[in-house]
Amino acid sequence: MTTTSLSPTERTRLRRSKERAATDRRVLHEVLREGMFCHLGVVVDGAPLVLPTAYGVDLDSGPDGTLYLHGSVAARSVVAAPDQTICVTVTHVDGLVLARSAFHHSVNYRSAVVFGTPRPVTDPDEKLHGLTVIVDHLVPGRSSGSRGPNRKELAKTSVLALDLTEASVKTRAGGANDEPEDLDLPYWTGVLPLRMVAGEPITNDDCDLLVPAHIRTRANQLGAPSCTDG
């Protein structure tokens, strides 16, 4: 796993609020690790198309790590992506920043942007690895707790690999930044924290098994009520 600094390019260099840029590549890894879905930006038939997409990350693949994306072999975004530079974003909204003035309302966030030309994964072993990484990114250990894809399912699925070489991270934390002349105004100011919380696992009607340990662990990681099945 590389720990080199993020080196800005013309596409990743921040133009505004430059002090919010992160240069430590480990911050990029954290944003990607804690995210669940990304937005894939690609041009299809001359128009921009941005789609929510599941992803997975292998930080030990390639010089800077690899982000894996998947989709149907017939998906226009997946078909068009390898012929161009794409943009993948992952964003965490950590809080609503409420100021005394409407102008200074803001959001606490962590956001990563990755640019690059993805390559279609054609090697069968890497394709299966990429799909495993995606499944285990959402729920660690899930690939071992489910049937793997068969030949027919693999034929219907495309996997794209995108190097994490060209990327930027921007973050905001802390309270509101009101103007000095507004500090005595009679308006509440502060932060409303936000986080994603899982509910208690719901077993399917056609399943009579107890909730397995890896599901309970993931649910508890996401703040679900503690469950004792399994």
Protein backbone atom coordinates (compact mmCIF):
# COMPACT_ATOMS: atom_id res chain seq x y z
CA MET A 1 0.00 0.00 0.00
CA THR A 2 1.48 3.31 -1.08
CA THR A 3 1.58 6.21 1.36
CA THR A 4 3.01 8.81 -0.99
CA SER A 5 1.50 12.28 -0.88
CA LEU A 6 -1.27 13.31 -3.22
CA SER A 7 0.35 15.30 -6.02
CA PRO A 8 -2.04 17.90 -7.49
CA THR A 9 -2.62 17.98 -11.23
CA GLU A 10 -4.50 20.58 -13.25
CA ARG A 11 -7.64 18.53 -12.75
CA THR A 12 -7.22 17.88 -9.02
CA ARG A 13 -5.74 21.19 -7.86
CA LEU A 14 -8.23 23.12 -5.71
CA ARG A 15 -9.09 26.61 -6.94
CA ARG A 16 -11.18 27.66 -3.92
CA SER A 17 -10.72 27.01 -0.19
CA LYS A 18 -7.28 25.54 -0.84
CA GLU A 19 -6.71 25.13 2.89
CA ARG A 20 -9.26 22.31 2.87
CA ALA A 21 -7.16 20.14 0.57
CA ALA A 22 -5.64 17.00 2.06
CA THR A 23 -2.18 16.02 0.85
CA ASP A 24 -1.80 12.82 2.85
CA ARG A 25 -2.82 9.86 0.72
CA ARG A 26 -3.99 8.07 3.86
CA VAL A 27 -6.88 10.54 4.05
CA LEU A 28 -7.92 9.42 0.55
CA HIS A 29 -7.78 5.81 1.73
CA GLU A 30 -9.96 6.65 4.74
CA VAL A 31 -12.60 8.41 2.64
CA LEU A 32 -12.75 5.48 0.21
CA ARG A 33 -12.72 2.86 2.95
CA GLU A 34 -15.60 4.44 4.88
CA GLY A 35 -17.73 5.11 1.80
CA MET A 36 -20.17 2.62 0.33
CA PHE A 37 -21.17 4.11 -3.00
CA CYS A 38 -19.48 6.41 -5.44
CA HIS A 39 -20.74 8.51 -8.32
CA LEU A 40 -19.30 7.61 -11.70
CA GLY A 41 -19.08 10.50 -14.13
CA VAL A 42 -18.76 9.59 -17.81
CA VAL A 43 -19.71 11.13 -21.15
CA VAL A 44 -22.19 9.03 -23.13
CA ASP A 45 -23.33 10.10 -26.60
CA GLY A 46 -21.86 13.55 -26.05
CA ALA A 47 -23.69 14.22 -22.76
CA PRO A 48 -22.49 13.86 -19.16
CA LEU A 49 -23.90 10.95 -17.20
CA VAL A 50 -23.38 10.58 -13.43
CA LEU A 51 -24.51 7.34 -11.81
CA PRO A 52 -24.36 5.98 -8.24
CA THR A 53 -22.23 2.86 -8.28
CA ALA A 54 -20.94 0.27 -5.82
CA TYR A 55 -17.17 0.07 -5.64
CA GLY A 56 -14.30 -1.62 -3.89
CA VAL A 57 -10.67 -0.68 -3.30
CA ASP A 58 -7.51 -2.78 -3.30
CA LEU A 59 -4.75 -0.59 -1.91
CA ASP A 60 -2.11 -3.24 -2.63
CA SER A 61 -2.87 -3.38 -6.36
CA GLY A 62 -0.78 -1.19 -8.67
CA PRO A 63 1.56 1.61 -7.64
CA ASP A 64 -1.13 3.69 -5.91
CA GLY A 65 -3.96 1.21 -5.36
CA THR A 66 -6.90 0.29 -7.57
CA LEU A 67 -10.58 1.19 -7.42
CA TYR A 68 -12.90 -1.46 -8.89
CA LEU A 69 -16.31 -0.65 -10.40
CA HIS A 70 -18.82 -3.08 -11.82
CA GLY A 71 -21.90 -3.06 -13.98
CA SER A 72 -23.80 -4.93 -16.65
CA VAL A 73 -21.90 -5.65 -19.85
CA ALA A 74 -24.68 -3.73 -21.64
CA ALA A 75 -24.53 -0.64 -19.38
CA ARG A 76 -23.76 2.42 -21.50
CA SER A 77 -21.58 3.93 -18.79
CA VAL A 78 -19.44 0.80 -18.51
CA VAL A 79 -19.13 0.44 -22.29
CA ALA A 80 -18.14 4.09 -22.81
CA ALA A 81 -15.81 4.51 -19.81
CA PRO A 82 -12.64 2.77 -21.10
CA ASP A 83 -12.45 5.14 -24.09
CA GLN A 84 -12.20 8.33 -22.02
CA THR A 85 -11.16 9.99 -18.78
CA ILE A 86 -13.78 9.40 -16.13
CA CYS A 87 -14.40 11.03 -12.77
CA VAL A 88 -15.32 9.06 -9.64
CA THR A 89 -16.41 10.87 -6.47
CA VAL A 90 -17.09 9.66 -2.93
CA THR A 91 -18.62 12.07 -0.40
CA HIS A 92 -19.39 11.87 3.31
CA VAL A 93 -21.71 14.50 4.80
CA ASP A 94 -20.68 14.77 8.47
CA GLY A 95 -22.81 17.67 9.61
CA LEU A 96 -24.92 20.72 8.79
CA VAL A 97 -23.19 23.92 9.81
CA LEU A 98 -25.78 26.48 10.90
CA ALA A 99 -24.55 30.04 11.13
CA ARG A 100 -26.12 33.26 12.34
CA SER A 101 -26.27 34.46 8.74
CA ALA A 102 -27.75 32.49 5.86
CA PHE A 103 -24.67 33.24 3.77
CA HIS A 104 -22.32 31.39 6.13
CA HIS A 105 -24.36 28.20 6.43
CA SER A 106 -22.18 25.30 5.32
CA VAL A 107 -21.61 21.56 5.51
CA ASN A 108 -18.93 19.50 7.20
CA TYR A 109 -17.82 16.88 4.71
CA ARG A 110 -15.05 14.66 3.36
CA SER A 111 -14.91 14.28 -0.40
CA ALA A 112 -12.58 12.40 -2.74
CA VAL A 113 -12.33 12.84 -6.51
CA VAL A 114 -10.45 10.36 -8.70
CA PHE A 115 -9.63 10.95 -12.38
CA GLY A 116 -8.30 8.46 -14.87
CA THR A 117 -8.97 6.19 -17.83
CA PRO A 118 -10.25 2.87 -16.52
CA ARG A 119 -9.30 -0.45 -18.02
CA PRO A 120 -11.76 -3.29 -18.53
CA VAL A 121 -10.74 -6.26 -16.41
CA THR A 122 -10.54 -9.25 -18.75
CA ASP A 123 -8.34 -11.59 -16.73
CA PRO A 124 -10.76 -14.09 -15.09
CA ASP A 125 -8.84 -14.20 -11.80
CA GLU A 126 -8.64 -10.42 -11.47
CA LYS A 127 -12.29 -10.07 -12.47
CA LEU A 128 -13.34 -12.43 -9.70
CA HIS A 129 -10.97 -10.62 -7.33
CA GLY A 130 -12.50 -7.25 -8.24
CA LEU A 131 -16.03 -8.50 -7.62
CA THR A 132 -14.94 -10.01 -4.31
CA VAL A 133 -13.38 -6.71 -3.28
CA ILE A 134 -16.64 -4.87 -4.09
CA VAL A 135 -18.79 -7.32 -2.11
CA ASP A 136 -16.45 -7.29 0.89
CA HIS A 137 -16.21 -3.51 0.77
CA LEU A 138 -19.91 -3.25 1.56
CA VAL A 139 -19.94 -6.06 4.14
CA PRO A 140 -16.51 -7.43 5.10
CA GLY A 141 -16.52 -11.21 4.95
CA ARG A 142 -19.64 -11.40 2.79
CA SER A 143 -17.85 -13.04 -0.15
CA SER A 144 -17.16 -16.05 2.07
CA GLY A 145 -20.76 -16.03 3.29
CA SER A 146 -22.38 -16.25 -0.13
CA ARG A 147 -22.12 -18.22 -3.36
CA GLY A 148 -19.60 -16.82 -5.75
CA PRO A 149 -20.58 -15.84 -9.31
CA ASN A 150 -20.86 -18.66 -11.82
CA ARG A 151 -19.67 -18.55 -15.42
CA LYS A 152 -23.00 -17.23 -16.74
CA GLU A 153 -23.12 -14.45 -14.15
CA LEU A 154 -19.52 -13.46 -14.82
CA ALA A 155 -20.30 -13.22 -18.53
CA LYS A 156 -23.08 -10.74 -17.79
CA THR A 157 -20.88 -8.55 -15.59
CA SER A 158 -18.18 -6.05 -16.49
CA VAL A 159 -15.51 -4.87 -14.07
CA LEU A 160 -13.50 -1.68 -14.52
CA ALA A 161 -10.20 -0.98 -12.77
CA LEU A 162 -9.17 2.62 -12.09
CA ASP A 163 -5.75 3.57 -10.70
CA LEU A 164 -5.81 5.89 -7.67
CA THR A 165 -2.87 7.89 -9.01
CA GLU A 166 -4.71 11.13 -9.87
CA ALA A 167 -6.92 12.05 -6.95
CA SER A 168 -7.78 14.89 -4.59
CA VAL A 169 -9.42 15.10 -1.18
CA LYS A 170 -11.23 18.10 0.26
CA THR A 171 -12.64 18.31 3.78
CA ARG A 172 -14.39 20.72 6.11
CA ALA A 173 -14.81 20.36 9.86
CA GLY A 174 -15.71 22.61 12.77
CA GLY A 175 -18.30 25.25 13.47
CA ALA A 176 -19.72 28.24 11.66
CA ASN A 177 -17.56 31.18 10.60
CA ASP A 178 -19.78 34.18 11.24
CA GLU A 179 -18.83 37.76 10.57
CA PRO A 180 -17.63 39.65 13.67
CA GLU A 181 -20.53 42.10 13.40
CA ASP A 182 -23.01 39.18 13.55
CA LEU A 183 -21.74 37.59 16.77
CA ASP A 184 -24.26 39.42 18.94
CA LEU A 185 -27.28 38.53 16.81
CA PRO A 186 -29.93 36.46 18.65
CA TYR A 187 -29.69 33.40 16.39
CA TRP A 188 -28.54 29.92 17.40
CA THR A 189 -25.37 28.75 15.70
CA GLY A 190 -23.70 25.36 15.72
CA VAL A 191 -23.43 22.01 13.97
CA LEU A 192 -26.06 19.32 13.45
CA PRO A 193 -23.98 16.11 13.15
CA LEU A 194 -25.03 13.54 10.55
CA ARG A 195 -24.09 9.90 10.11
CA MET A 196 -25.41 6.81 8.36
CA VAL A 197 -26.95 4.32 10.78
CA ALA A 198 -27.92 0.72 10.02
CA GLY A 199 -31.08 -0.88 11.30
CA GLU A 200 -31.27 -4.33 12.83
CA PRO A 201 -30.79 -7.05 10.16
CA ILE A 202 -34.06 -8.40 8.72
CA THR A 203 -33.96 -12.08 7.77
CA ASN A 204 -35.63 -12.95 4.46
CA ASP A 205 -38.96 -14.82 4.69
CA ASP A 206 -37.52 -17.84 2.85
CA CYS A 207 -34.47 -18.08 5.14
CA ASP A 208 -34.51 -19.91 8.47
CA LEU A 209 -30.86 -19.25 9.39
CA LEU A 210 -29.58 -17.04 12.18
CA VAL A 211 -27.92 -13.75 11.32
CA PRO A 212 -24.24 -14.62 10.74
CA ALA A 213 -21.42 -13.00 12.65
CA HIS A 214 -20.08 -10.94 9.75
CA ILE A 215 -23.52 -9.35 9.23
CA ARG A 216 -23.87 -8.58 12.92
CA THR A 217 -20.40 -7.08 13.00
CA ARG A 218 -21.11 -4.84 10.03
CA ALA A 219 -24.48 -3.77 11.41
CA ASN A 220 -22.91 -2.89 14.75
CA GLN A 221 -20.14 -0.96 13.00
CA LEU A 222 -22.87 1.14 11.40
CA GLY A 223 -24.60 1.81 14.70
CA ALA A 224 -27.38 -0.79 14.56
CA PRO A 225 -28.89 -2.07 17.81
CA SER A 226 -26.78 -4.96 19.05
CA CYS A 227 -28.15 -8.30 17.83
CA THR A 228 -27.16 -11.68 19.24
CA ASP A 229 -28.10 -14.15 16.47
CA GLY A 230 -25.41 -16.32 14.96
